[in-house]
Amino acid sequence: MIQHAVNLAANRPRSSSDFSSGRCERHPPEGGSFGTASTRQISLTSAGNTIYREGEPCRAIFQVAHGLARTVKHTSQGRRIIQSFCMPNDIFGMSCTSTYMATAEAVSDLHLMKFEPGQFDSWLHNDGTFARQLCTWLVRNSERVEQLRLLARGTSIEKLSYFLLDLAERMSARTRVELQMSRYDIGDYLGLSSETVSRAFTSLRARGYICTDGHIVYLRNKSGLQQLSMACSTR
């Protein structure tokens, strides 16, 4: 199966042992979970913890019940690339090999559902509803990857417009988006510096597309943001 936060220097992730030693409790996940009622054992881990590292044996698959995680790779030059932000109901830790393909870190405090790979595979074979939900989710992720590929040749404003609209859709938000990730995280996801991300926010505010209040972004002109986010795909 296909693999699918904050300045690292200021908030260095802890070792994966921090996650495995975290306490577990029965806790109902947020709506839309792929898991069944019998699987609702939630593992808790704190912001900044490393859930697993790239290259470690793939011993579990995770689903976010509450909070935000990120999957990260580093280039040979030490550059950090954020592959994905994992929000409630997202699954991560799937791999087509026996090892994890990226490092997973907690951006915020996390409630995670944890599945053994064999248990996960069994559901795919025996639960048609689960398989269809997973297929739909993977298709949406594939579309997101394709859009980000197109945005690679876009401007910083186009990239940020897409990012904000995508977050709003994933959060089922109409106009109010809460950013749990930092400008550094957004930059490492979109291939921009944190300074460029800040300038893009300033530009979108000046144009009246958004307004901000701390970590809250209000989308004042969603149709305008949509036009910006799609501009590079028509060139």
C-alpha atoms as a PDB file:
ATOM      1  CA  MET A   1       0.000   0.000   0.000  1.00  0.00           C
ATOM      2  CA  ILE A   2       1.057   3.571  -0.657  1.00  0.00           C
ATOM      3  CA  GLN A   3       2.765   5.628   2.125  1.00  0.00           C
ATOM      4  CA  HIS A   4       1.341   8.349   3.000  1.00  0.00           C
ATOM      5  CA  ALA A   5       4.909  20.656  13.453  1.00  0.00           C
ATOM      6  CA  VAL A   6       6.993  24.563  13.991  1.00  0.00           C
ATOM      7  CA  ASN A   7      10.673  25.040  13.299  1.00  0.00           C
ATOM      8  CA  LEU A   8      12.592  21.827  13.910  1.00  0.00           C
ATOM      9  CA  ALA A   9      15.478  23.632  15.498  1.00  0.00           C
ATOM     10  CA  ALA A  10      13.147  25.232  17.999  1.00  0.00           C
ATOM     11  CA  ASN A  11      11.081  22.114  18.617  1.00  0.00           C
ATOM     12  CA  ARG A  12      13.188  19.027  17.957  1.00  0.00           C
ATOM     13  CA  PRO A  13      11.026  15.874  17.731  1.00  0.00           C
ATOM     14  CA  ARG A  14      11.506  13.372  20.510  1.00  0.00           C
ATOM     15  CA  SER A  15      12.376   9.752  19.891  1.00  0.00           C
ATOM     16  CA  SER A  16       9.829   7.201  18.731  1.00  0.00           C
ATOM     17  CA  SER A  17      10.012   5.592  22.169  1.00  0.00           C
ATOM     18  CA  ASP A  18       8.120   8.615  23.502  1.00  0.00           C
ATOM     19  CA  PHE A  19       5.112   7.501  21.487  1.00  0.00           C
ATOM     20  CA  SER A  20       5.254   3.822  22.367  1.00  0.00           C
ATOM     21  CA  SER A  21       5.357   4.675  26.054  1.00  0.00           C
ATOM     22  CA  GLY A  22       2.322   6.960  25.828  1.00  0.00           C
ATOM     23  CA  ARG A  23      -0.754   5.970  27.760  1.00  0.00           C
ATOM     24  CA  CYS A  24      -3.819   4.518  26.082  1.00  0.00           C
ATOM     25  CA  GLU A  25      -7.463   4.917  26.981  1.00  0.00           C
ATOM     26  CA  ARG A  26     -10.867   4.207  25.569  1.00  0.00           C
ATOM     27  CA  HIS A  27     -11.956   7.307  23.711  1.00  0.00           C
ATOM     28  CA  PRO A  28     -14.444   7.658  20.848  1.00  0.00           C
ATOM     29  CA  PRO A  29     -12.840   9.018  17.668  1.00  0.00           C
ATOM     30  CA  GLU A  30     -14.304  11.843  15.657  1.00  0.00           C
ATOM     31  CA  GLY A  31     -16.905  10.965  13.028  1.00  0.00           C
ATOM     32  CA  GLY A  32     -15.996   9.169   9.814  1.00  0.00           C
ATOM     33  CA  SER A  33     -13.464   6.769  11.316  1.00  0.00           C
ATOM     34  CA  PHE A  34     -12.469   3.752   9.235  1.00  0.00           C
ATOM     35  CA  GLY A  35     -12.262   1.690  12.424  1.00  0.00           C
ATOM     36  CA  THR A  36     -15.110  -0.157  14.102  1.00  0.00           C
ATOM     37  CA  ALA A  37     -16.377   0.244  17.641  1.00  0.00           C
ATOM     38  CA  SER A  38     -14.175  -2.614  18.844  1.00  0.00           C
ATOM     39  CA  THR A  39     -11.029  -0.827  17.674  1.00  0.00           C
ATOM     40  CA  ARG A  40     -11.555   2.490  19.440  1.00  0.00           C
ATOM     41  CA  GLN A  41      -8.525   2.313  21.681  1.00  0.00           C
ATOM     42  CA  ILE A  42      -6.835   5.663  21.376  1.00  0.00           C
ATOM     43  CA  SER A  43      -3.119   6.231  21.925  1.00  0.00           C
ATOM     44  CA  LEU A  44      -2.171   9.687  23.170  1.00  0.00           C
ATOM     45  CA  THR A  45       1.021  11.499  22.204  1.00  0.00           C
ATOM     46  CA  SER A  46       2.166  15.087  22.721  1.00  0.00           C
ATOM     47  CA  ALA A  47       3.100  17.779  20.209  1.00  0.00           C
ATOM     48  CA  GLY A  48       6.706  17.409  19.071  1.00  0.00           C
ATOM     49  CA  ASN A  49       6.868  13.636  19.531  1.00  0.00           C
ATOM     50  CA  THR A  50       8.098  11.372  16.756  1.00  0.00           C
ATOM     51  CA  ILE A  51       5.614   8.573  16.064  1.00  0.00           C
ATOM     52  CA  TYR A  52       8.000   6.578  13.855  1.00  0.00           C
ATOM     53  CA  ARG A  53      11.093   7.253  11.776  1.00  0.00           C
ATOM     54  CA  GLU A  54      11.846   6.662   8.120  1.00  0.00           C
ATOM     55  CA  GLY A  55      13.475   3.257   7.666  1.00  0.00           C
ATOM     56  CA  GLU A  56      12.067   1.723  10.858  1.00  0.00           C
ATOM     57  CA  PRO A  57      10.143  -1.565  10.498  1.00  0.00           C
ATOM     58  CA  CYS A  58       6.483  -0.952   9.671  1.00  0.00           C
ATOM     59  CA  ARG A  59       4.802  -2.353  12.770  1.00  0.00           C
ATOM     60  CA  ALA A  60       1.586  -0.322  12.829  1.00  0.00           C
ATOM     61  CA  ILE A  61      -0.754   1.837  10.767  1.00  0.00           C
ATOM     62  CA  PHE A  62      -2.304   4.920  12.332  1.00  0.00           C
ATOM     63  CA  GLN A  63      -5.457   6.970  11.984  1.00  0.00           C
ATOM     64  CA  VAL A  64      -5.827  10.439  13.466  1.00  0.00           C
ATOM     65  CA  ALA A  65      -8.806  10.698  15.815  1.00  0.00           C
ATOM     66  CA  HIS A  66      -7.953  14.216  17.018  1.00  0.00           C
ATOM     67  CA  GLY A  67      -5.092  16.647  16.348  1.00  0.00           C
ATOM     68  CA  LEU A  68      -2.580  17.048  13.532  1.00  0.00           C
ATOM     69  CA  ALA A  69       0.416  14.997  12.398  1.00  0.00           C
ATOM     70  CA  ARG A  70       2.873  15.443   9.534  1.00  0.00           C
ATOM     71  CA  THR A  71       4.966  13.045   7.461  1.00  0.00           C
ATOM     72  CA  VAL A  72       8.470  14.290   6.715  1.00  0.00           C
ATOM     73  CA  LYS A  73      11.492  13.403   4.600  1.00  0.00           C
ATOM     74  CA  HIS A  74      14.929  15.030   4.546  1.00  0.00           C
ATOM     75  CA  THR A  75      17.120  15.430   1.471  1.00  0.00           C
ATOM     76  CA  SER A  76      20.802  14.543   1.410  1.00  0.00           C
ATOM     77  CA  GLN A  77      21.486  18.283   1.782  1.00  0.00           C
ATOM     78  CA  GLY A  78      19.461  18.367   5.003  1.00  0.00           C
ATOM     79  CA  ARG A  79      16.420  20.108   3.555  1.00  0.00           C
ATOM     80  CA  ARG A  80      13.117  19.165   5.169  1.00  0.00           C
ATOM     81  CA  ILE A  81      10.172  18.246   2.946  1.00  0.00           C
ATOM     82  CA  ILE A  82       6.729  17.799   4.472  1.00  0.00           C
ATOM     83  CA  GLN A  83       4.895  15.197   2.411  1.00  0.00           C
ATOM     84  CA  SER A  84       1.521  15.463   4.094  1.00  0.00           C
ATOM     85  CA  PHE A  85      -0.473  16.873   6.960  1.00  0.00           C
ATOM     86  CA  CYS A  86      -2.604  14.185   8.599  1.00  0.00           C
ATOM     87  CA  MET A  87      -5.894  15.471   9.999  1.00  0.00           C
ATOM     88  CA  PRO A  88      -8.736  13.700  11.830  1.00  0.00           C
ATOM     89  CA  ASN A  89      -9.783  10.497  10.000  1.00  0.00           C
ATOM     90  CA  ASP A  90      -6.604  10.492   7.859  1.00  0.00           C
ATOM     91  CA  ILE A  91      -4.551   7.292   7.796  1.00  0.00           C
ATOM     92  CA  PHE A  92      -0.754   7.204   7.678  1.00  0.00           C
ATOM     93  CA  GLY A  93       1.995   4.626   8.065  1.00  0.00           C
ATOM     94  CA  MET A  94       0.954   2.498   5.086  1.00  0.00           C
ATOM     95  CA  SER A  95       3.907   1.283   3.051  1.00  0.00           C
ATOM     96  CA  CYS A  96       4.565  -0.933   0.037  1.00  0.00           C
ATOM     97  CA  THR A  97       7.725  -2.167   1.767  1.00  0.00           C
ATOM     98  CA  SER A  98       8.476  -3.575   5.215  1.00  0.00           C
ATOM     99  CA  THR A  99       9.770  -0.202   6.457  1.00  0.00           C
ATOM    100  CA  TYR A 100       8.275   3.255   6.836  1.00  0.00           C
ATOM    101  CA  MET A 101       8.853   5.528   3.850  1.00  0.00           C
ATOM    102  CA  ALA A 102       8.914   8.762   5.863  1.00  0.00           C
ATOM    103  CA  THR A 103       9.083  10.049   9.423  1.00  0.00           C
ATOM    104  CA  ALA A 104       5.808  10.852  11.195  1.00  0.00           C
ATOM    105  CA  GLU A 105       5.644  13.586  13.838  1.00  0.00           C
ATOM    106  CA  ALA A 106       2.952  15.096  16.038  1.00  0.00           C
ATOM    107  CA  VAL A 107       2.296  18.739  15.194  1.00  0.00           C
ATOM    108  CA  SER A 108      -0.233  19.068  18.016  1.00  0.00           C
ATOM    109  CA  ASP A 109      -1.292  16.783  20.843  1.00  0.00           C
ATOM    110  CA  LEU A 110      -2.660  13.683  19.125  1.00  0.00           C
ATOM    111  CA  HIS A 111      -5.250  11.003  19.717  1.00  0.00           C
ATOM    112  CA  LEU A 112      -4.318   8.132  17.388  1.00  0.00           C
ATOM    113  CA  MET A 113      -5.969   4.859  16.521  1.00  0.00           C
ATOM    114  CA  LYS A 114      -3.265   2.231  16.049  1.00  0.00           C
ATOM    115  CA  PHE A 115      -3.723  -0.889  13.916  1.00  0.00           C
ATOM    116  CA  GLU A 116      -1.477  -3.870  13.236  1.00  0.00           C
ATOM    117  CA  PRO A 117      -0.875  -4.257   9.476  1.00  0.00           C
ATOM    118  CA  GLY A 118      -2.437  -7.731   9.485  1.00  0.00           C
ATOM    119  CA  GLN A 119      -5.592  -6.398  11.127  1.00  0.00           C
ATOM    120  CA  PHE A 120      -5.775  -3.584   8.593  1.00  0.00           C
ATOM    121  CA  ASP A 121      -5.358  -5.993   5.652  1.00  0.00           C
ATOM    122  CA  SER A 122      -8.050  -8.266   7.071  1.00  0.00           C
ATOM    123  CA  TRP A 123     -10.545  -5.399   7.077  1.00  0.00           C
ATOM    124  CA  LEU A 124      -9.721  -4.617   3.456  1.00  0.00           C
ATOM    125  CA  HIS A 125     -10.547  -8.192   2.442  1.00  0.00           C
ATOM    126  CA  ASN A 126     -13.600  -8.691   4.644  1.00  0.00           C
ATOM    127  CA  ASP A 127     -15.282  -5.305   4.994  1.00  0.00           C
ATOM    128  CA  GLY A 128     -16.524  -3.866   1.720  1.00  0.00           C
ATOM    129  CA  THR A 129     -17.598  -0.556   3.270  1.00  0.00           C
ATOM    130  CA  PHE A 130     -14.176  -0.083   4.823  1.00  0.00           C
ATOM    131  CA  ALA A 131     -12.474  -0.888   1.513  1.00  0.00           C
ATOM    132  CA  ARG A 132     -14.643   1.631  -0.367  1.00  0.00           C
ATOM    133  CA  GLN A 133     -13.999   4.344   2.220  1.00  0.00           C
ATOM    134  CA  LEU A 134     -10.277   3.744   2.006  1.00  0.00           C
ATOM    135  CA  CYS A 135     -10.359   3.770  -1.804  1.00  0.00           C
ATOM    136  CA  THR A 136     -12.196   7.111  -1.836  1.00  0.00           C
ATOM    137  CA  TRP A 137      -9.728   8.565   0.651  1.00  0.00           C
ATOM    138  CA  LEU A 138      -6.713   7.361  -1.377  1.00  0.00           C
ATOM    139  CA  VAL A 139      -8.158   8.813  -4.592  1.00  0.00           C
ATOM    140  CA  ARG A 140      -8.604  12.195  -2.902  1.00  0.00           C
ATOM    141  CA  ASN A 141      -5.024  12.074  -1.660  1.00  0.00           C
ATOM    142  CA  SER A 142      -3.842  11.201  -5.159  1.00  0.00           C
ATOM    143  CA  GLU A 143      -5.719  14.220  -6.535  1.00  0.00           C
ATOM    144  CA  ARG A 144      -4.064  16.392  -3.887  1.00  0.00           C
ATOM    145  CA  VAL A 145      -0.610  15.150  -4.873  1.00  0.00           C
ATOM    146  CA  GLU A 146      -1.359  15.856  -8.550  1.00  0.00           C
ATOM    147  CA  GLN A 147      -2.540  19.388  -7.775  1.00  0.00           C
ATOM    148  CA  LEU A 148       0.591  20.053  -5.718  1.00  0.00           C
ATOM    149  CA  ARG A 149       2.673  18.790  -8.645  1.00  0.00           C
ATOM    150  CA  LEU A 150       0.989  21.335 -10.924  1.00  0.00           C
ATOM    151  CA  LEU A 151       1.480  24.041  -8.314  1.00  0.00           C
ATOM    152  CA  ALA A 152       5.234  23.429  -8.339  1.00  0.00           C
ATOM    153  CA  ARG A 153       5.434  25.917 -11.211  1.00  0.00           C
ATOM    154  CA  GLY A 154       2.983  28.339  -9.595  1.00  0.00           C
ATOM    155  CA  THR A 155       3.564  31.494  -7.602  1.00  0.00           C
ATOM    156  CA  SER A 156       3.622  31.608  -3.818  1.00  0.00           C
ATOM    157  CA  ILE A 157       0.186  33.259  -3.780  1.00  0.00           C
ATOM    158  CA  GLU A 158      -1.268  30.511  -5.995  1.00  0.00           C
ATOM    159  CA  LYS A 159       0.219  27.821  -3.776  1.00  0.00           C
ATOM    160  CA  LEU A 160      -1.042  29.383  -0.560  1.00  0.00           C
ATOM    161  CA  SER A 161      -4.515  29.895  -2.056  1.00  0.00           C
ATOM    162  CA  TYR A 162      -4.752  26.194  -2.863  1.00  0.00           C
ATOM    163  CA  PHE A 163      -3.432  25.242   0.568  1.00  0.00           C
ATOM    164  CA  LEU A 164      -6.050  27.311   2.400  1.00  0.00           C
ATOM    165  CA  LEU A 165      -8.913  26.031   0.245  1.00  0.00           C
ATOM    166  CA  ASP A 166      -7.749  22.436   0.659  1.00  0.00           C
ATOM    167  CA  LEU A 167      -7.565  22.846   4.436  1.00  0.00           C
ATOM    168  CA  ALA A 168     -11.066  24.324   4.504  1.00  0.00           C
ATOM    169  CA  GLU A 169     -12.414  21.367   2.530  1.00  0.00           C
ATOM    170  CA  ARG A 170     -10.671  18.806   4.717  1.00  0.00           C
ATOM    171  CA  MET A 171     -11.915  20.537   7.875  1.00  0.00           C
ATOM    172  CA  SER A 172     -15.450  20.894   6.462  1.00  0.00           C
ATOM    173  CA  ALA A 173     -15.092  24.610   7.123  1.00  0.00           C
ATOM    174  CA  ARG A 174     -16.955  27.266   5.171  1.00  0.00           C
ATOM    175  CA  THR A 175     -14.843  30.365   5.732  1.00  0.00           C
ATOM    176  CA  ARG A 176     -12.970  29.887   9.024  1.00  0.00           C
ATOM    177  CA  VAL A 177      -9.726  27.878   8.974  1.00  0.00           C
ATOM    178  CA  GLU A 178      -7.584  27.274  12.048  1.00  0.00           C
ATOM    179  CA  LEU A 179      -3.890  26.802  11.290  1.00  0.00           C
ATOM    180  CA  GLN A 180      -2.299  24.334  13.696  1.00  0.00           C
ATOM    181  CA  MET A 181       0.930  24.309  11.695  1.00  0.00           C
ATOM    182  CA  SER A 182       3.581  27.036  11.557  1.00  0.00           C
ATOM    183  CA  ARG A 183       4.707  29.176   8.611  1.00  0.00           C
ATOM    184  CA  TYR A 184       7.819  26.942   8.505  1.00  0.00           C
ATOM    185  CA  ASP A 185       5.614  23.882   8.098  1.00  0.00           C
ATOM    186  CA  ILE A 186       3.519  25.480   5.375  1.00  0.00           C
ATOM    187  CA  GLY A 187       6.678  26.514   3.541  1.00  0.00           C
ATOM    188  CA  ASP A 188       8.216  23.036   3.738  1.00  0.00           C
ATOM    189  CA  TYR A 189       4.957  21.589   2.409  1.00  0.00           C
ATOM    190  CA  LEU A 190       4.598  24.049  -0.491  1.00  0.00           C
ATOM    191  CA  GLY A 191       8.305  24.374  -1.326  1.00  0.00           C
ATOM    192  CA  LEU A 192       8.591  27.950  -0.071  1.00  0.00           C
ATOM    193  CA  SER A 193      10.596  29.737   2.598  1.00  0.00           C
ATOM    194  CA  SER A 194       8.745  30.843   5.724  1.00  0.00           C
ATOM    195  CA  GLU A 195       9.429  34.472   4.732  1.00  0.00           C
ATOM    196  CA  THR A 196       7.802  33.890   1.346  1.00  0.00           C
ATOM    197  CA  VAL A 197       4.791  32.294   3.036  1.00  0.00           C
ATOM    198  CA  SER A 198       4.437  35.357   5.272  1.00  0.00           C
ATOM    199  CA  ARG A 199       4.600  37.678   2.260  1.00  0.00           C
ATOM    200  CA  ALA A 200       1.958  35.599   0.475  1.00  0.00           C
ATOM    201  CA  PHE A 201      -0.346  35.913   3.494  1.00  0.00           C
ATOM    202  CA  THR A 202       0.233  39.676   3.482  1.00  0.00           C
ATOM    203  CA  SER A 203      -0.568  39.881  -0.232  1.00  0.00           C
ATOM    204  CA  LEU A 204      -3.795  37.877   0.094  1.00  0.00           C
ATOM    205  CA  ARG A 205      -4.876  40.087   2.994  1.00  0.00           C
ATOM    206  CA  ALA A 206      -4.099  43.268   1.040  1.00  0.00           C
ATOM    207  CA  ARG A 207      -6.170  42.018  -1.897  1.00  0.00           C
ATOM    208  CA  GLY A 208      -9.111  41.250   0.365  1.00  0.00           C
ATOM    209  CA  TYR A 209      -9.086  37.497  -0.239  1.00  0.00           C
ATOM    210  CA  ILE A 210      -8.510  36.657   3.438  1.00  0.00           C
ATOM    211  CA  CYS A 211      -8.262  38.227   6.856  1.00  0.00           C
ATOM    212  CA  THR A 212      -6.423  36.760   9.822  1.00  0.00           C
ATOM    213  CA  ASP A 213      -6.708  36.743  13.592  1.00  0.00           C
ATOM    214  CA  GLY A 214      -3.731  34.960  15.106  1.00  0.00           C
ATOM    215  CA  HIS A 215      -3.872  31.351  13.905  1.00  0.00           C
ATOM    216  CA  ILE A 216      -7.359  31.817  12.429  1.00  0.00           C
ATOM    217  CA  VAL A 217      -7.743  32.578   8.719  1.00  0.00           C
ATOM    218  CA  TYR A 218     -11.077  33.820   7.354  1.00  0.00           C
ATOM    219  CA  LEU A 219     -11.652  33.150   3.655  1.00  0.00           C
ATOM    220  CA  ARG A 220     -13.406  36.300   2.461  1.00  0.00           C
ATOM    221  CA  ASN A 221     -13.306  35.550  -1.285  1.00  0.00           C
ATOM    222  CA  LYS A 222     -13.290  31.797  -1.916  1.00  0.00           C
ATOM    223  CA  SER A 223     -14.040  32.120  -5.626  1.00  0.00           C
ATOM    224  CA  GLY A 224     -11.071  34.460  -6.014  1.00  0.00           C
ATOM    225  CA  LEU A 225      -8.838  32.032  -4.130  1.00  0.00           C
ATOM    226  CA  GLN A 226     -10.090  29.227  -6.371  1.00  0.00           C
ATOM    227  CA  GLN A 227      -9.169  31.189  -9.479  1.00  0.00           C
ATOM    228  CA  LEU A 228      -5.703  31.853  -8.088  1.00  0.00           C
ATOM    229  CA  SER A 229      -5.148  28.224  -7.103  1.00  0.00           C
ATOM    230  CA  MET A 230      -6.066  26.979 -10.590  1.00  0.00           C
ATOM    231  CA  ALA A 231      -4.170  29.646 -12.565  1.00  0.00           C
ATOM    232  CA  CYS A 232      -0.969  27.669 -13.041  1.00  0.00           C
ATOM    233  CA  SER A 233      -2.816  24.605 -14.422  1.00  0.00           C
ATOM    234  CA  THR A 234      -4.143  26.677 -17.349  1.00  0.00           C
ATOM    235  CA  ARG A 235      -0.782  28.051 -18.438  1.00  0.00           C
END
